[in-house]
Amino acid sequence: MTAAALTTGYVGWGGLAASLALVAVAVAISLWQRLDLERSLMWASVRAIVQLLAVGAVLAFVLSPHVPLAVSWVWVVFMVAFAAETIRRRAPEVPAARPLALASLGVASAVSLLLLFGLHIFPMDARTVVPLAGMVVGNSMTATVVAARRVVGELSDKRAEVEARLALGQPSHEAARPYVRSALRTAMISQIESTKAVGLVFLPGAMTGLILAGEQPVQAVLVQAAVMFLILGAVATTAATMALGLARRLFTSDHRLVVPVRSA
């Protein structure tokens, strides 16, 4: 890649093909250590490029200046719906995972994007709506899965303790509170640690992309800081909505725990 290509952020087909050498390194390590991950590595790489090219073709249309902004918001709705279905598949033991995920991601996306555009932190156009919504949904999805699975796991593993609390007269939300709190801490800690390390340990995607595109480093830092705060708030909102909503569903109206006991 030439210096001009680097400063303009341009990667040609030749550069893309050359980057596959790094995948070959990963495959070689798998063969060397007998990890049996060669097919997974190659399939993941092929799938990633196919998906990215497909999404790139769609985004070329969505981000066109001649396309109404409403189309970008339709794309955001599609991302939320697809992420909710992904959460359902990743957490099959969680009851009502899809509607809870839709509510969680919808609330986080609405709150985050309304604040960003309402306070004029970013201008509201297709080139900001779609990427920022993608960052919110993508990062929140992982935290939502962790929160959902941990709530079910905590209440299942600590069933005797929860039922003892209920027997002592505590309402269901009080009996579940310590375990919901633990699940939320687990879901949020990864994003908190990433936020602490940003800039010192690693340069995150938005900042790196802007610098590669030729933007001034200070401006890239400001954009990245706004994005990091956006993601942190979205992760907290999504995880809390999922955990609290799920905890309510795991108790009956007369405060009986209905989560199944997990097998050993």
C-alpha atoms as a PDB file:
ATOM      1  CA  MET A   1       0.000   0.000   0.000  1.00  0.00           C
ATOM      2  CA  THR A   2       1.371   3.434  -0.911  1.00  0.00           C
ATOM      3  CA  ALA A   3       1.538   6.399   1.426  1.00  0.00           C
ATOM      4  CA  ALA A   4      -1.134   8.145  -0.629  1.00  0.00           C
ATOM      5  CA  ALA A   5      -3.427   5.146  -0.317  1.00  0.00           C
ATOM      6  CA  LEU A   6      -2.910   5.063   3.427  1.00  0.00           C
ATOM      7  CA  THR A   7      -3.680   8.745   3.927  1.00  0.00           C
ATOM      8  CA  THR A   8      -6.848   8.540   1.828  1.00  0.00           C
ATOM      9  CA  GLY A   9      -8.009   5.324   3.488  1.00  0.00           C
ATOM     10  CA  TYR A  10      -8.092   3.508   0.120  1.00  0.00           C
ATOM     11  CA  VAL A  11      -7.541  -0.251  -0.059  1.00  0.00           C
ATOM     12  CA  GLY A  12      -7.688  -1.928  -3.446  1.00  0.00           C
ATOM     13  CA  TRP A  13      -8.494  -5.519  -4.311  1.00  0.00           C
ATOM     14  CA  GLY A  14      -4.781  -6.267  -4.359  1.00  0.00           C
ATOM     15  CA  GLY A  15      -4.391  -4.920  -0.841  1.00  0.00           C
ATOM     16  CA  LEU A  16      -7.349  -6.966   0.308  1.00  0.00           C
ATOM     17  CA  ALA A  17      -5.855 -10.116  -1.200  1.00  0.00           C
ATOM     18  CA  ALA A  18      -2.497  -9.356   0.410  1.00  0.00           C
ATOM     19  CA  SER A  19      -4.155  -8.985   3.810  1.00  0.00           C
ATOM     20  CA  LEU A  20      -5.196 -12.636   3.570  1.00  0.00           C
ATOM     21  CA  ALA A  21      -1.586 -13.442   4.427  1.00  0.00           C
ATOM     22  CA  LEU A  22      -2.538 -12.645   8.010  1.00  0.00           C
ATOM     23  CA  VAL A  23      -5.306 -15.235   7.868  1.00  0.00           C
ATOM     24  CA  ALA A  24      -2.744 -17.687   6.534  1.00  0.00           C
ATOM     25  CA  VAL A  25      -0.607 -16.960   9.605  1.00  0.00           C
ATOM     26  CA  ALA A  26      -3.572 -17.762  11.867  1.00  0.00           C
ATOM     27  CA  VAL A  27      -4.214 -21.000   9.945  1.00  0.00           C
ATOM     28  CA  ALA A  28      -0.548 -21.934  10.201  1.00  0.00           C
ATOM     29  CA  ILE A  29      -0.620 -21.412  13.978  1.00  0.00           C
ATOM     30  CA  SER A  30      -3.716 -23.596  14.214  1.00  0.00           C
ATOM     31  CA  LEU A  31      -1.996 -26.349  12.237  1.00  0.00           C
ATOM     32  CA  TRP A  32       1.207 -26.020  14.238  1.00  0.00           C
ATOM     33  CA  GLN A  33      -0.557 -26.274  17.601  1.00  0.00           C
ATOM     34  CA  ARG A  34      -3.169 -28.761  16.335  1.00  0.00           C
ATOM     35  CA  LEU A  35      -6.042 -26.501  17.338  1.00  0.00           C
ATOM     36  CA  ASP A  36      -8.325 -27.846  14.600  1.00  0.00           C
ATOM     37  CA  LEU A  37      -9.517 -24.322  13.819  1.00  0.00           C
ATOM     38  CA  GLU A  38      -8.394 -24.102  10.208  1.00  0.00           C
ATOM     39  CA  ARG A  39     -11.829 -24.562   8.649  1.00  0.00           C
ATOM     40  CA  SER A  40     -13.415 -22.172  11.143  1.00  0.00           C
ATOM     41  CA  LEU A  41     -10.792 -19.517  10.412  1.00  0.00           C
ATOM     42  CA  MET A  42     -11.224 -19.798   6.667  1.00  0.00           C
ATOM     43  CA  TRP A  43     -15.016 -19.936   6.849  1.00  0.00           C
ATOM     44  CA  ALA A  44     -15.119 -16.916   9.172  1.00  0.00           C
ATOM     45  CA  SER A  45     -12.889 -14.950   6.794  1.00  0.00           C
ATOM     46  CA  VAL A  46     -14.953 -15.834   3.710  1.00  0.00           C
ATOM     47  CA  ARG A  47     -18.223 -15.140   5.492  1.00  0.00           C
ATOM     48  CA  ALA A  48     -16.953 -11.809   6.800  1.00  0.00           C
ATOM     49  CA  ILE A  49     -15.914 -10.498   3.393  1.00  0.00           C
ATOM     50  CA  VAL A  50     -19.135 -11.670   1.737  1.00  0.00           C
ATOM     51  CA  GLN A  51     -21.252 -10.045   4.449  1.00  0.00           C
ATOM     52  CA  LEU A  52     -19.228  -6.834   4.331  1.00  0.00           C
ATOM     53  CA  LEU A  53     -19.461  -6.590   0.556  1.00  0.00           C
ATOM     54  CA  ALA A  54     -23.215  -7.183   0.689  1.00  0.00           C
ATOM     55  CA  VAL A  55     -23.687  -4.577   3.402  1.00  0.00           C
ATOM     56  CA  GLY A  56     -21.394  -2.189   1.542  1.00  0.00           C
ATOM     57  CA  ALA A  57     -23.580  -2.480  -1.562  1.00  0.00           C
ATOM     58  CA  VAL A  58     -26.710  -1.740   0.484  1.00  0.00           C
ATOM     59  CA  LEU A  59     -25.062   1.156   2.295  1.00  0.00           C
ATOM     60  CA  ALA A  60     -23.942   2.649  -1.016  1.00  0.00           C
ATOM     61  CA  PHE A  61     -27.649   3.039  -1.755  1.00  0.00           C
ATOM     62  CA  VAL A  62     -28.743   4.040   1.757  1.00  0.00           C
ATOM     63  CA  LEU A  63     -26.019   6.697   2.106  1.00  0.00           C
ATOM     64  CA  SER A  64     -26.632   8.196  -1.309  1.00  0.00           C
ATOM     65  CA  PRO A  65     -27.482  11.928  -1.034  1.00  0.00           C
ATOM     66  CA  HIS A  66     -30.514  11.351  -3.269  1.00  0.00           C
ATOM     67  CA  VAL A  67     -32.087   8.815  -0.886  1.00  0.00           C
ATOM     68  CA  PRO A  68     -34.442  10.196   1.820  1.00  0.00           C
ATOM     69  CA  LEU A  69     -33.184  10.134   5.407  1.00  0.00           C
ATOM     70  CA  ALA A  70     -36.165   7.950   6.345  1.00  0.00           C
ATOM     71  CA  VAL A  71     -34.482   5.042   4.549  1.00  0.00           C
ATOM     72  CA  SER A  72     -31.563   5.272   7.004  1.00  0.00           C
ATOM     73  CA  TRP A  73     -33.961   4.994   9.941  1.00  0.00           C
ATOM     74  CA  VAL A  74     -35.576   1.958   8.319  1.00  0.00           C
ATOM     75  CA  TRP A  75     -32.098   0.423   8.174  1.00  0.00           C
ATOM     76  CA  VAL A  76     -31.655   1.172  11.889  1.00  0.00           C
ATOM     77  CA  VAL A  77     -34.922  -0.651  12.658  1.00  0.00           C
ATOM     78  CA  PHE A  78     -33.684  -3.614  10.616  1.00  0.00           C
ATOM     79  CA  MET A  79     -30.407  -3.679  12.589  1.00  0.00           C
ATOM     80  CA  VAL A  80     -32.291  -3.685  15.893  1.00  0.00           C
ATOM     81  CA  ALA A  81     -34.598  -6.500  14.738  1.00  0.00           C
ATOM     82  CA  PHE A  82     -31.692  -8.595  13.435  1.00  0.00           C
ATOM     83  CA  ALA A  83     -29.720  -8.057  16.649  1.00  0.00           C
ATOM     84  CA  ALA A  84     -32.742  -9.125  18.730  1.00  0.00           C
ATOM     85  CA  GLU A  85     -32.998 -12.353  16.753  1.00  0.00           C
ATOM     86  CA  THR A  86     -29.255 -12.919  17.205  1.00  0.00           C
ATOM     87  CA  ILE A  87     -29.649 -12.488  20.970  1.00  0.00           C
ATOM     88  CA  ARG A  88     -32.473 -15.034  20.983  1.00  0.00           C
ATOM     89  CA  ARG A  89     -30.243 -17.578  19.216  1.00  0.00           C
ATOM     90  CA  ARG A  90     -27.255 -16.906  21.477  1.00  0.00           C
ATOM     91  CA  ALA A  91     -29.307 -17.178  24.681  1.00  0.00           C
ATOM     92  CA  PRO A  92     -31.855 -19.944  24.018  1.00  0.00           C
ATOM     93  CA  GLU A  93     -32.371 -20.566  27.737  1.00  0.00           C
ATOM     94  CA  VAL A  94     -33.708 -17.040  28.255  1.00  0.00           C
ATOM     95  CA  PRO A  95     -37.531 -16.840  28.144  1.00  0.00           C
ATOM     96  CA  ALA A  96     -39.012 -14.144  25.897  1.00  0.00           C
ATOM     97  CA  ALA A  97     -35.511 -13.178  24.776  1.00  0.00           C
ATOM     98  CA  ARG A  98     -36.590 -11.650  21.455  1.00  0.00           C
ATOM     99  CA  PRO A  99     -39.205  -9.142  22.741  1.00  0.00           C
ATOM    100  CA  LEU A 100     -36.995  -8.186  25.667  1.00  0.00           C
ATOM    101  CA  ALA A 101     -34.035  -7.692  23.338  1.00  0.00           C
ATOM    102  CA  LEU A 102     -36.161  -5.588  20.987  1.00  0.00           C
ATOM    103  CA  ALA A 103     -37.246  -3.409  23.893  1.00  0.00           C
ATOM    104  CA  SER A 104     -33.714  -3.127  25.302  1.00  0.00           C
ATOM    105  CA  LEU A 105     -32.024  -2.292  22.020  1.00  0.00           C
ATOM    106  CA  GLY A 106     -34.870  -0.012  20.980  1.00  0.00           C
ATOM    107  CA  VAL A 107     -34.676   1.985  24.206  1.00  0.00           C
ATOM    108  CA  ALA A 108     -30.878   2.250  24.067  1.00  0.00           C
ATOM    109  CA  SER A 109     -30.873   3.284  20.402  1.00  0.00           C
ATOM    110  CA  ALA A 110     -33.639   5.837  20.878  1.00  0.00           C
ATOM    111  CA  VAL A 111     -32.112   7.424  23.978  1.00  0.00           C
ATOM    112  CA  SER A 112     -28.570   7.498  22.596  1.00  0.00           C
ATOM    113  CA  LEU A 113     -29.389   8.806  19.131  1.00  0.00           C
ATOM    114  CA  LEU A 114     -31.932  11.362  20.360  1.00  0.00           C
ATOM    115  CA  LEU A 115     -29.324  12.784  22.725  1.00  0.00           C
ATOM    116  CA  LEU A 116     -26.620  12.859  20.059  1.00  0.00           C
ATOM    117  CA  PHE A 117     -28.760  14.567  17.454  1.00  0.00           C
ATOM    118  CA  GLY A 118     -30.948  16.548  19.845  1.00  0.00           C
ATOM    119  CA  LEU A 119     -27.900  18.147  21.458  1.00  0.00           C
ATOM    120  CA  HIS A 120     -26.309  18.623  18.003  1.00  0.00           C
ATOM    121  CA  ILE A 121     -23.233  16.592  18.923  1.00  0.00           C
ATOM    122  CA  PHE A 122     -23.393  15.124  15.413  1.00  0.00           C
ATOM    123  CA  PRO A 123     -25.407  16.372  12.438  1.00  0.00           C
ATOM    124  CA  MET A 124     -28.352  14.127  11.618  1.00  0.00           C
ATOM    125  CA  ASP A 125     -27.798  12.696   8.167  1.00  0.00           C
ATOM    126  CA  ALA A 126     -27.422   9.221   6.673  1.00  0.00           C
ATOM    127  CA  ARG A 127     -23.639   9.157   7.156  1.00  0.00           C
ATOM    128  CA  THR A 128     -24.025   9.648  10.912  1.00  0.00           C
ATOM    129  CA  VAL A 129     -27.327   7.881  11.652  1.00  0.00           C
ATOM    130  CA  VAL A 130     -26.361   4.483  10.221  1.00  0.00           C
ATOM    131  CA  PRO A 131     -22.778   4.151  11.572  1.00  0.00           C
ATOM    132  CA  LEU A 132     -23.645   5.477  15.039  1.00  0.00           C
ATOM    133  CA  ALA A 133     -26.695   3.238  15.301  1.00  0.00           C
ATOM    134  CA  GLY A 134     -24.510   0.318  14.224  1.00  0.00           C
ATOM    135  CA  MET A 135     -22.051   1.053  17.021  1.00  0.00           C
ATOM    136  CA  VAL A 136     -24.864   1.275  19.579  1.00  0.00           C
ATOM    137  CA  VAL A 137     -26.554  -1.933  18.483  1.00  0.00           C
ATOM    138  CA  GLY A 138     -23.367  -3.924  17.933  1.00  0.00           C
ATOM    139  CA  ASN A 139     -21.789  -3.124  21.285  1.00  0.00           C
ATOM    140  CA  SER A 140     -25.058  -3.348  23.205  1.00  0.00           C
ATOM    141  CA  MET A 141     -25.873  -6.752  21.747  1.00  0.00           C
ATOM    142  CA  THR A 142     -22.991  -8.475  23.525  1.00  0.00           C
ATOM    143  CA  ALA A 143     -23.821  -6.848  26.855  1.00  0.00           C
ATOM    144  CA  THR A 144     -27.476  -7.800  26.443  1.00  0.00           C
ATOM    145  CA  VAL A 145     -26.625 -11.468  25.912  1.00  0.00           C
ATOM    146  CA  VAL A 146     -24.363 -11.473  28.973  1.00  0.00           C
ATOM    147  CA  ALA A 147     -26.966  -9.717  31.141  1.00  0.00           C
ATOM    148  CA  ALA A 148     -29.761 -12.073  30.085  1.00  0.00           C
ATOM    149  CA  ARG A 149     -27.771 -15.247  30.586  1.00  0.00           C
ATOM    150  CA  ARG A 150     -26.358 -14.101  33.913  1.00  0.00           C
ATOM    151  CA  VAL A 151     -29.792 -13.179  35.312  1.00  0.00           C
ATOM    152  CA  VAL A 152     -31.131 -16.624  34.426  1.00  0.00           C
ATOM    153  CA  GLY A 153     -27.962 -18.283  35.711  1.00  0.00           C
ATOM    154  CA  GLU A 154     -27.855 -16.351  38.979  1.00  0.00           C
ATOM    155  CA  LEU A 155     -31.522 -16.911  39.823  1.00  0.00           C
ATOM    156  CA  SER A 156     -31.276 -20.570  38.849  1.00  0.00           C
ATOM    157  CA  ASP A 157     -28.086 -21.273  40.793  1.00  0.00           C
ATOM    158  CA  LYS A 158     -29.245 -19.275  43.828  1.00  0.00           C
ATOM    159  CA  ARG A 159     -32.828 -20.510  43.695  1.00  0.00           C
ATOM    160  CA  ALA A 160     -32.818 -21.686  47.331  1.00  0.00           C
ATOM    161  CA  GLU A 161     -31.565 -18.292  48.503  1.00  0.00           C
ATOM    162  CA  VAL A 162     -34.149 -16.430  46.432  1.00  0.00           C
ATOM    163  CA  GLU A 163     -36.977 -18.599  47.687  1.00  0.00           C
ATOM    164  CA  ALA A 164     -35.773 -18.105  51.262  1.00  0.00           C
ATOM    165  CA  ARG A 165     -35.970 -14.348  50.740  1.00  0.00           C
ATOM    166  CA  LEU A 166     -39.476 -14.730  49.319  1.00  0.00           C
ATOM    167  CA  ALA A 167     -40.493 -16.897  52.278  1.00  0.00           C
ATOM    168  CA  LEU A 168     -39.342 -14.120  54.622  1.00  0.00           C
ATOM    169  CA  GLY A 169     -41.815 -11.780  52.970  1.00  0.00           C
ATOM    170  CA  GLN A 170     -39.624  -9.917  50.470  1.00  0.00           C
ATOM    171  CA  PRO A 171     -41.347  -8.998  47.186  1.00  0.00           C
ATOM    172  CA  SER A 172     -39.885 -10.545  44.068  1.00  0.00           C
ATOM    173  CA  HIS A 173     -37.965  -7.450  42.964  1.00  0.00           C
ATOM    174  CA  GLU A 174     -36.284  -7.209  46.375  1.00  0.00           C
ATOM    175  CA  ALA A 175     -35.479 -10.928  46.482  1.00  0.00           C
ATOM    176  CA  ALA A 176     -33.923 -10.799  43.011  1.00  0.00           C
ATOM    177  CA  ARG A 177     -32.051  -7.509  43.424  1.00  0.00           C
ATOM    178  CA  PRO A 178     -28.603  -8.843  44.544  1.00  0.00           C
ATOM    179  CA  TYR A 179     -28.517 -11.345  41.678  1.00  0.00           C
ATOM    180  CA  VAL A 180     -29.702  -8.850  39.077  1.00  0.00           C
ATOM    181  CA  ARG A 181     -27.048  -6.429  40.342  1.00  0.00           C
ATOM    182  CA  SER A 182     -24.371  -9.111  39.935  1.00  0.00           C
ATOM    183  CA  ALA A 183     -25.539  -9.850  36.381  1.00  0.00           C
ATOM    184  CA  LEU A 184     -25.459  -6.161  35.475  1.00  0.00           C
ATOM    185  CA  ARG A 185     -21.933  -5.737  36.829  1.00  0.00           C
ATOM    186  CA  THR A 186     -20.763  -8.692  34.737  1.00  0.00           C
ATOM    187  CA  ALA A 187     -22.471  -7.342  31.603  1.00  0.00           C
ATOM    188  CA  MET A 188     -21.048  -3.825  31.954  1.00  0.00           C
ATOM    189  CA  ILE A 189     -17.536  -4.427  33.257  1.00  0.00           C
ATOM    190  CA  SER A 190     -16.036  -5.292  29.860  1.00  0.00           C
ATOM    191  CA  GLN A 191     -17.145  -1.991  28.309  1.00  0.00           C
ATOM    192  CA  ILE A 192     -15.992  -0.062  31.372  1.00  0.00           C
ATOM    193  CA  GLU A 193     -12.521  -1.626  31.164  1.00  0.00           C
ATOM    194  CA  SER A 194     -12.369  -0.902  27.423  1.00  0.00           C
ATOM    195  CA  THR A 195     -13.241   2.732  28.095  1.00  0.00           C
ATOM    196  CA  LYS A 196     -10.476   2.962  30.705  1.00  0.00           C
ATOM    197  CA  ALA A 197      -7.880   1.562  28.302  1.00  0.00           C
ATOM    198  CA  VAL A 198      -8.833   3.574  25.215  1.00  0.00           C
ATOM    199  CA  GLY A 199      -5.933   5.604  23.841  1.00  0.00           C
ATOM    200  CA  LEU A 200      -3.334   4.092  26.166  1.00  0.00           C
ATOM    201  CA  VAL A 201      -3.606   0.396  25.290  1.00  0.00           C
ATOM    202  CA  PHE A 202      -5.395   0.533  21.955  1.00  0.00           C
ATOM    203  CA  LEU A 203      -6.687   3.035  19.403  1.00  0.00           C
ATOM    204  CA  PRO A 204     -10.372   2.288  18.744  1.00  0.00           C
ATOM    205  CA  GLY A 205     -11.991   1.986  15.348  1.00  0.00           C
ATOM    206  CA  ALA A 206     -13.545   5.420  14.826  1.00  0.00           C
ATOM    207  CA  MET A 207     -10.349   7.247  15.772  1.00  0.00           C
ATOM    208  CA  THR A 208      -8.161   4.954  13.684  1.00  0.00           C
ATOM    209  CA  GLY A 209     -10.443   5.272  10.674  1.00  0.00           C
ATOM    210  CA  LEU A 210     -10.466   9.070  10.842  1.00  0.00           C
ATOM    211  CA  ILE A 211      -6.690   9.243  11.158  1.00  0.00           C
ATOM    212  CA  LEU A 212      -6.250   6.867   8.203  1.00  0.00           C
ATOM    213  CA  ALA A 213      -8.668   9.048   6.239  1.00  0.00           C
ATOM    214  CA  GLY A 214      -6.433  12.073   6.864  1.00  0.00           C
ATOM    215  CA  GLU A 215      -8.341  13.789   9.688  1.00  0.00           C
ATOM    216  CA  GLN A 216      -6.429  15.779  12.287  1.00  0.00           C
ATOM    217  CA  PRO A 217      -5.648  13.632  15.381  1.00  0.00           C
ATOM    218  CA  VAL A 218      -7.301  16.062  17.820  1.00  0.00           C
ATOM    219  CA  GLN A 219     -10.543  16.033  15.852  1.00  0.00           C
ATOM    220  CA  ALA A 220     -10.349  12.244  15.635  1.00  0.00           C
ATOM    221  CA  VAL A 221      -9.947  12.117  19.421  1.00  0.00           C
ATOM    222  CA  LEU A 222     -13.021  14.310  19.979  1.00  0.00           C
ATOM    223  CA  VAL A 223     -15.148  12.137  17.713  1.00  0.00           C
ATOM    224  CA  GLN A 224     -13.872   8.964  19.357  1.00  0.00           C
ATOM    225  CA  ALA A 225     -14.564  10.312  22.849  1.00  0.00           C
ATOM    226  CA  ALA A 226     -18.150  11.127  21.896  1.00  0.00           C
ATOM    227  CA  VAL A 227     -18.555   7.659  20.386  1.00  0.00           C
ATOM    228  CA  MET A 228     -17.080   5.938  23.459  1.00  0.00           C
ATOM    229  CA  PHE A 229     -19.451   7.818  25.769  1.00  0.00           C
ATOM    230  CA  LEU A 230     -22.320   6.929  23.445  1.00  0.00           C
ATOM    231  CA  ILE A 231     -21.438   3.240  23.585  1.00  0.00           C
ATOM    232  CA  LEU A 232     -20.920   3.245  27.357  1.00  0.00           C
ATOM    233  CA  GLY A 233     -24.321   4.807  27.947  1.00  0.00           C
ATOM    234  CA  ALA A 234     -26.001   2.502  25.439  1.00  0.00           C
ATOM    235  CA  VAL A 235     -24.481  -0.620  26.993  1.00  0.00           C
ATOM    236  CA  ALA A 236     -25.640   0.438  30.463  1.00  0.00           C
ATOM    237  CA  THR A 237     -29.150   1.248  29.222  1.00  0.00           C
ATOM    238  CA  THR A 238     -29.517  -1.968  27.253  1.00  0.00           C
ATOM    239  CA  ALA A 239     -28.150  -4.250  29.958  1.00  0.00           C
ATOM    240  CA  ALA A 240     -30.318  -2.634  32.639  1.00  0.00           C
ATOM    241  CA  THR A 241     -33.484  -2.814  30.527  1.00  0.00           C
ATOM    242  CA  MET A 242     -32.866  -6.472  29.702  1.00  0.00           C
ATOM    243  CA  ALA A 243     -31.909  -7.516  33.249  1.00  0.00           C
ATOM    244  CA  LEU A 244     -34.783  -5.727  34.981  1.00  0.00           C
ATOM    245  CA  GLY A 245     -37.343  -6.786  32.391  1.00  0.00           C
ATOM    246  CA  LEU A 246     -36.200 -10.396  32.505  1.00  0.00           C
ATOM    247  CA  ALA A 247     -36.215 -10.481  36.310  1.00  0.00           C
ATOM    248  CA  ARG A 248     -39.871  -9.457  36.255  1.00  0.00           C
ATOM    249  CA  ARG A 249     -40.726 -12.251  33.833  1.00  0.00           C
ATOM    250  CA  LEU A 250     -39.062 -14.892  35.984  1.00  0.00           C
ATOM    251  CA  PHE A 251     -41.556 -14.347  38.799  1.00  0.00           C
ATOM    252  CA  THR A 252     -45.303 -14.874  38.790  1.00  0.00           C
ATOM    253  CA  SER A 253     -47.736 -12.166  39.870  1.00  0.00           C
ATOM    254  CA  ASP A 254     -47.903 -13.787  43.331  1.00  0.00           C
ATOM    255  CA  HIS A 255     -44.080 -13.617  43.683  1.00  0.00           C
ATOM    256  CA  ARG A 256     -43.123 -17.219  42.880  1.00  0.00           C
ATOM    257  CA  LEU A 257     -39.848 -17.901  41.069  1.00  0.00           C
ATOM    258  CA  VAL A 258     -40.413 -19.789  37.808  1.00  0.00           C
ATOM    259  CA  VAL A 259     -36.866 -20.013  36.445  1.00  0.00           C
ATOM    260  CA  PRO A 260     -35.897 -23.683  35.977  1.00  0.00           C
ATOM    261  CA  VAL A 261     -33.089 -25.271  37.943  1.00  0.00           C
ATOM    262  CA  ARG A 262     -30.045 -25.659  35.694  1.00  0.00           C
ATOM    263  CA  SER A 263     -28.607 -29.145  35.290  1.00  0.00           C
ATOM    264  CA  ALA A 264     -25.143 -29.706  36.728  1.00  0.00           C
END
